[in-house]
Amino acid sequence: MSYITALEQIAKQTGCEYKLSEPMSKHTTFKIGGPADIFLEPDCEIQISTALRYCHDNGVRCYIIGNGSNLLINDKGIRGCVIHIGPKLSKISLSGENEITCMSGAKLSALCQFALSHGLTGLEFAYGIPGSAGGAAFMNAGAYGGEMKDVIKQCHHMTSDGKLESFTSKKLAFGYRQSIYSLFPSEYCILSITVSLAPGNPKEIKCKMDELYSRRVSKQPLEYPSAGSMFKRPQGAFAGALIEQCGLKGYQIGGAAVSTKHSGFVINRGNATCEDVRALIAHIQKTVFEHTGYQLECEVKQI
């Protein structure tokens, strides 16, 4: 029996929705990616643990995705299993004084709105980041001087062999756009996060959220599919400024282009392939290094 057939049977037995040969272009903000062998959409921990244990015990590659906002997936697709932690796992609730627990499939914007509705401040920086709560913890998402490490108190996860665990903030090994989860991506599936915030004035919180969102809209090419900032910020410089300095604003390979609005973004101008994007990334890195001496490192995860 093939692993696809076995996982299909497991999905049926546990009541987990699934799709075969599902185009990953439907599940990434880049709108790029070939078909996954089997695509699972669980709505409970049992469905996740059963699939994870099978993959762990049988050597099947298993990929956990959220909103797909920081992914570039190969045109040939994914050989293995994809587990989508999405809207079916998105409950948000108060869990203590000034604390919110959020299932990892919830959109980060929804978490920010929940905090606003309860007069809690500290998450304004995250409003408009196009990812899920789990994805934000995975990569320590940040913007405008704030990062998830500033607010996350605890993360609950499932190990690759189906065991439930949790890490407090000290054990999460947060760094610039990284966490223990990104360092060991095949070892954990984030189930929920708990954030610790502070009481605030709802009008002031909303004003700050609106201000930062307006800045995002005015400066970022949100009208095109992309994976957000393509490169990590190099020490002592800004990736977008270096790319523009090298005359690459608007440079295009196939359907992939450097945004003319923000040079730190690579956009899908239409029918871009993964190979188009990879070729453009390589050209940018080579050109920037030759002209400035900076080696740009990708922030976007490539599968």
Protein backbone atom coordinates (compact mmCIF):
# COMPACT_ATOMS: atom_id res chain seq x y z
CA MET A 1 0.00 0.00 0.00
CA SER A 2 1.36 3.44 -0.91
CA TYR A 3 1.63 6.16 1.72
CA ILE A 4 -0.94 8.19 -0.21
CA THR A 5 -3.49 5.37 0.03
CA ALA A 6 -2.65 4.81 3.70
CA LEU A 7 -3.05 8.49 4.58
CA GLU A 8 -6.27 8.62 2.56
CA GLN A 9 -7.64 5.75 4.64
CA ILE A 10 -6.48 7.42 7.87
CA ALA A 11 -8.22 10.64 6.84
CA LYS A 12 -11.47 8.76 6.16
CA GLN A 13 -11.27 6.89 9.46
CA THR A 14 -10.71 10.06 11.51
CA GLY A 15 -13.14 12.23 9.54
CA CYS A 16 -10.39 14.53 8.29
CA GLU A 17 -11.05 16.37 5.05
CA TYR A 18 -8.40 15.73 2.40
CA LYS A 19 -7.55 16.30 -1.23
CA LEU A 20 -5.28 14.43 -3.60
CA SER A 21 -2.92 16.23 -5.99
CA GLU A 22 -4.01 19.56 -4.54
CA PRO A 23 -2.33 22.57 -6.27
CA MET A 24 -0.31 24.43 -3.66
CA SER A 25 -0.74 27.63 -5.67
CA LYS A 26 -4.19 27.76 -4.05
CA HIS A 27 -2.65 27.84 -0.58
CA THR A 28 0.20 30.35 -0.79
CA THR A 29 0.06 34.13 -1.03
CA PHE A 30 2.60 33.88 -3.87
CA LYS A 31 0.02 31.87 -5.88
CA ILE A 32 2.84 29.53 -6.89
CA GLY A 33 3.33 25.81 -6.34
CA GLY A 34 2.59 22.44 -7.90
CA PRO A 35 0.39 19.67 -6.47
CA ALA A 36 0.83 18.02 -3.08
CA ASP A 37 0.41 14.24 -3.05
CA ILE A 38 -2.13 14.49 -0.24
CA PHE A 39 -3.44 17.64 1.45
CA LEU A 40 -5.08 17.27 4.88
CA GLU A 41 -7.33 19.84 6.54
CA PRO A 42 -7.79 18.67 10.15
CA ASP A 43 -10.26 20.13 12.61
CA CYS A 44 -9.02 18.45 15.79
CA GLU A 45 -5.87 17.20 17.50
CA ILE A 46 -6.70 13.52 16.95
CA GLN A 47 -6.69 13.99 13.18
CA ILE A 48 -3.34 15.78 13.37
CA SER A 49 -1.70 13.26 15.70
CA THR A 50 -2.84 10.25 13.67
CA ALA A 51 -1.40 11.67 10.46
CA LEU A 52 1.81 12.83 12.14
CA ARG A 53 2.44 9.46 13.75
CA TYR A 54 1.93 7.61 10.47
CA CYS A 55 4.35 9.93 8.65
CA HIS A 56 6.88 9.69 11.51
CA ASP A 57 6.73 5.89 11.67
CA ASN A 58 6.88 5.37 7.90
CA GLY A 59 9.43 7.98 6.84
CA VAL A 60 6.93 10.12 4.92
CA ARG A 61 7.82 13.79 4.56
CA CYS A 62 5.20 15.91 6.29
CA TYR A 63 4.85 19.66 5.83
CA ILE A 64 2.80 21.86 8.16
CA ILE A 65 1.45 25.06 6.61
CA GLY A 66 -0.73 27.90 7.83
CA ASN A 67 -1.77 30.83 5.68
CA GLY A 68 1.09 30.14 3.24
CA SER A 69 2.26 33.75 3.42
CA ASN A 70 5.97 33.00 3.72
CA LEU A 71 6.33 30.06 1.32
CA LEU A 72 7.75 29.46 -2.13
CA ILE A 73 6.80 25.99 -3.31
CA ASN A 74 8.37 24.10 -6.22
CA ASP A 75 6.51 23.98 -9.53
CA LYS A 76 6.66 20.17 -9.38
CA GLY A 77 4.78 20.21 -6.09
CA ILE A 78 5.30 18.30 -2.87
CA ARG A 79 6.03 14.62 -2.56
CA GLY A 80 4.60 13.73 0.80
CA CYS A 81 1.84 14.97 3.08
CA VAL A 82 0.74 18.55 3.70
CA ILE A 83 -1.22 19.35 6.86
CA HIS A 84 -3.04 22.65 6.62
CA ILE A 85 -3.66 24.33 9.97
CA GLY A 86 -6.30 26.83 8.93
CA PRO A 87 -9.77 28.23 9.69
CA LYS A 88 -10.99 24.97 11.24
CA LEU A 89 -8.43 25.47 14.01
CA SER A 90 -8.81 29.19 14.66
CA LYS A 91 -10.60 29.66 18.00
CA ILE A 92 -9.50 32.70 20.04
CA SER A 93 -10.36 33.19 23.72
CA LEU A 94 -9.32 35.00 26.87
CA SER A 95 -7.27 32.65 29.04
CA GLY A 96 -6.21 34.82 31.97
CA GLU A 97 -5.85 38.38 33.10
CA ASN A 98 -4.66 40.26 30.00
CA GLU A 99 -3.91 36.96 28.26
CA ILE A 100 -5.28 35.52 25.03
CA THR A 101 -4.94 31.95 23.79
CA CYS A 102 -5.27 31.59 20.05
CA MET A 103 -5.34 28.42 17.99
CA SER A 104 -2.60 28.46 15.40
CA GLY A 105 -4.92 28.51 12.38
CA ALA A 106 -6.37 31.92 13.27
CA LYS A 107 -5.24 34.80 11.13
CA LEU A 108 -2.94 37.20 12.91
CA SER A 109 -5.24 40.08 11.96
CA ALA A 110 -8.12 38.31 13.75
CA LEU A 111 -5.99 37.97 16.89
CA CYS A 112 -5.22 41.69 16.73
CA GLN A 113 -8.89 42.54 16.36
CA PHE A 114 -9.75 40.29 19.32
CA ALA A 115 -7.17 42.10 21.46
CA LEU A 116 -8.65 45.44 20.39
CA SER A 117 -12.19 44.31 21.27
CA HIS A 118 -11.00 43.50 24.80
CA GLY A 119 -8.96 46.68 25.25
CA LEU A 120 -5.58 44.93 25.25
CA THR A 121 -2.51 46.58 23.81
CA GLY A 122 0.81 45.16 22.57
CA LEU A 123 -0.16 43.55 19.27
CA GLU A 124 -0.72 46.66 17.18
CA PHE A 125 2.54 46.09 15.26
CA ALA A 126 1.19 42.78 13.92
CA TYR A 127 -1.99 44.15 12.38
CA GLY A 128 -1.80 43.61 8.64
CA ILE A 129 0.90 40.93 8.70
CA PRO A 130 -0.69 38.38 6.33
CA GLY A 131 -0.02 35.20 8.26
CA SER A 132 -1.58 32.86 10.79
CA ALA A 133 -0.92 32.98 14.52
CA GLY A 134 1.05 29.75 14.30
CA GLY A 135 3.09 31.01 11.37
CA ALA A 136 3.82 34.23 13.22
CA ALA A 137 5.20 32.27 16.17
CA PHE A 138 7.12 29.93 13.84
CA MET A 139 9.10 32.78 12.28
CA ASN A 140 8.88 35.36 15.07
CA ALA A 141 7.04 37.72 12.76
CA GLY A 142 7.57 41.40 13.34
CA ALA A 143 7.07 44.88 11.97
CA TYR A 144 7.41 48.51 12.99
CA GLY A 145 9.62 47.79 15.99
CA GLY A 146 7.62 44.90 17.43
CA GLU A 147 8.05 41.13 17.28
CA MET A 148 6.01 38.15 18.42
CA LYS A 149 8.68 37.35 21.02
CA ASP A 150 7.61 40.53 22.81
CA VAL A 151 4.13 39.17 23.50
CA ILE A 152 4.21 35.36 23.35
CA LYS A 153 4.11 33.79 26.79
CA GLN A 154 3.74 30.15 25.75
CA CYS A 155 3.28 27.94 22.70
CA HIS A 156 1.52 24.59 22.65
CA HIS A 157 2.57 22.06 20.03
CA MET A 158 2.51 18.46 18.95
CA THR A 159 5.73 16.58 18.27
CA SER A 160 6.27 14.64 15.07
CA ASP A 161 5.36 11.42 16.90
CA GLY A 162 2.06 12.84 18.13
CA LYS A 163 2.89 13.92 21.69
CA LEU A 164 1.47 17.11 23.23
CA GLU A 165 3.99 19.57 24.70
CA SER A 166 4.44 23.26 25.35
CA PHE A 167 7.30 25.74 25.52
CA THR A 168 7.45 28.92 27.54
CA SER A 169 8.93 31.99 25.89
CA LYS A 170 12.40 31.28 27.29
CA LYS A 171 12.53 27.90 25.54
CA LEU A 172 11.30 29.19 22.19
CA ALA A 173 14.78 30.38 21.13
CA PHE A 174 13.40 33.48 19.45
CA GLY A 175 15.77 35.37 17.19
CA TYR A 176 15.46 37.55 14.14
CA ARG A 177 12.76 35.80 12.06
CA GLN A 178 13.34 32.50 13.78
CA SER A 179 12.23 30.32 16.67
CA ILE A 180 12.90 26.79 17.86
CA TYR A 181 10.14 25.74 15.47
CA SER A 182 11.85 27.20 12.42
CA LEU A 183 15.17 25.69 13.52
CA PHE A 184 13.57 22.23 13.67
CA PRO A 185 10.60 22.50 11.28
CA SER A 186 9.98 18.78 10.93
CA GLU A 187 9.82 18.19 14.69
CA TYR A 188 6.79 20.22 15.75
CA CYS A 189 3.28 21.27 14.78
CA ILE A 190 2.20 24.45 16.60
CA LEU A 191 -1.34 24.09 17.97
CA SER A 192 -1.88 27.35 19.83
CA ILE A 193 -0.14 30.37 21.27
CA THR A 194 -0.76 32.37 24.43
CA VAL A 195 0.06 36.07 24.36
CA SER A 196 0.43 38.35 27.35
CA LEU A 197 -0.70 41.92 26.74
CA ALA A 198 -1.51 45.03 28.78
CA PRO A 199 -4.71 47.01 29.37
CA GLY A 200 -5.08 49.88 26.97
CA ASN A 201 -7.44 52.48 25.59
CA PRO A 202 -9.42 50.93 22.68
CA LYS A 203 -9.50 54.22 20.77
CA GLU A 204 -5.73 54.59 21.04
CA ILE A 205 -5.19 50.93 20.11
CA LYS A 206 -7.38 51.26 17.01
CA CYS A 207 -5.71 54.51 16.02
CA LYS A 208 -2.28 52.82 16.18
CA MET A 209 -3.53 49.80 14.23
CA ASP A 210 -5.04 51.99 11.52
CA GLU A 211 -1.88 54.10 11.31
CA LEU A 212 0.40 51.11 10.85
CA TYR A 213 -1.95 49.45 8.38
CA SER A 214 -2.08 52.65 6.30
CA ARG A 215 1.72 52.74 6.25
CA ARG A 216 1.77 49.12 5.10
CA VAL A 217 -0.73 49.76 2.28
CA SER A 218 1.10 52.86 1.08
CA LYS A 219 4.56 51.29 1.04
CA GLN A 220 4.03 47.64 0.15
CA PRO A 221 2.82 46.08 -3.15
CA LEU A 222 -0.24 44.42 -1.65
CA GLU A 223 -1.99 44.48 -5.02
CA TYR A 224 0.27 41.66 -6.27
CA PRO A 225 0.79 38.12 -4.98
CA SER A 226 4.01 37.88 -3.00
CA ALA A 227 5.49 36.26 0.08
CA GLY A 228 6.15 39.53 1.86
CA SER A 229 9.71 40.70 2.39
CA MET A 230 11.91 38.34 0.40
CA PHE A 231 15.16 38.91 2.30
CA LYS A 232 16.17 39.24 5.92
CA ARG A 233 17.49 42.61 7.01
CA PRO A 234 21.29 42.48 6.82
CA GLN A 235 23.17 43.93 9.76
CA GLY A 236 23.76 47.63 9.23
CA ALA A 237 21.59 47.97 6.12
CA PHE A 238 18.17 47.39 4.59
CA ALA A 239 17.63 44.80 1.88
CA GLY A 240 15.21 46.96 -0.13
CA ALA A 241 17.58 49.93 -0.14
CA LEU A 242 20.51 47.76 -1.26
CA ILE A 243 18.45 46.23 -4.09
CA GLU A 244 17.30 49.66 -5.26
CA GLN A 245 20.86 51.00 -4.97
CA CYS A 246 21.93 48.29 -7.42
CA GLY A 247 19.38 49.45 -9.99
CA LEU A 248 17.18 46.36 -9.66
CA LYS A 249 13.86 48.04 -8.92
CA GLY A 250 11.40 46.62 -11.45
CA TYR A 251 13.86 43.99 -12.72
CA GLN A 252 11.93 41.01 -14.03
CA ILE A 253 12.57 37.38 -14.93
CA GLY A 254 9.58 35.63 -16.43
CA GLY A 255 6.54 36.52 -14.36
CA ALA A 256 8.56 37.42 -11.25
CA ALA A 257 9.67 40.98 -10.63
CA VAL A 258 11.24 43.25 -8.05
CA SER A 259 8.45 45.54 -6.91
CA THR A 260 8.66 49.14 -8.07
CA LYS A 261 6.83 50.11 -4.87
CA HIS A 262 9.15 48.35 -2.40
CA SER A 263 12.35 46.76 -3.68
CA GLY A 264 12.44 44.30 -0.79
CA PHE A 265 9.46 42.50 -2.32
CA VAL A 266 9.53 40.01 -5.18
CA ILE A 267 6.07 39.91 -6.73
CA ASN A 268 4.17 37.60 -9.02
CA ARG A 269 3.23 39.91 -11.87
CA GLY A 270 1.28 37.14 -13.54
CA ASN A 271 1.86 33.42 -14.11
CA ALA A 272 5.24 33.47 -12.36
CA THR A 273 6.78 30.08 -11.71
CA CYS A 274 8.91 29.00 -8.80
CA GLU A 275 11.87 28.84 -11.18
CA ASP A 276 11.24 32.46 -12.23
CA VAL A 277 11.35 33.54 -8.59
CA ARG A 278 14.41 31.45 -7.77
CA ALA A 279 16.28 32.82 -10.77
CA LEU A 280 15.39 36.36 -9.74
CA ILE A 281 16.48 35.72 -6.14
CA ALA A 282 19.84 34.39 -7.34
CA HIS A 283 20.33 37.40 -9.63
CA ILE A 284 19.51 39.83 -6.83
CA GLN A 285 21.86 38.12 -4.39
CA LYS A 286 24.71 38.01 -6.91
CA THR A 287 24.27 41.63 -7.99
CA VAL A 288 23.95 43.03 -4.47
CA PHE A 289 27.00 41.10 -3.27
CA GLU A 290 29.13 42.23 -6.22
CA HIS A 291 28.14 45.88 -5.80
CA THR A 292 27.90 46.25 -2.02
CA GLY A 293 29.53 43.26 -0.38
CA TYR A 294 26.31 42.33 1.42
CA GLN A 295 25.09 38.74 1.17
CA LEU A 296 21.31 38.77 1.26
CA GLU A 297 19.67 35.83 3.01
CA CYS A 298 16.17 34.71 2.08
CA GLU A 299 13.46 35.19 4.68
CA VAL A 300 10.95 33.18 2.66
CA LYS A 301 10.95 29.41 3.22
CA GLN A 302 11.42 27.38 0.04
CA ILE A 303 10.00 23.89 -0.38
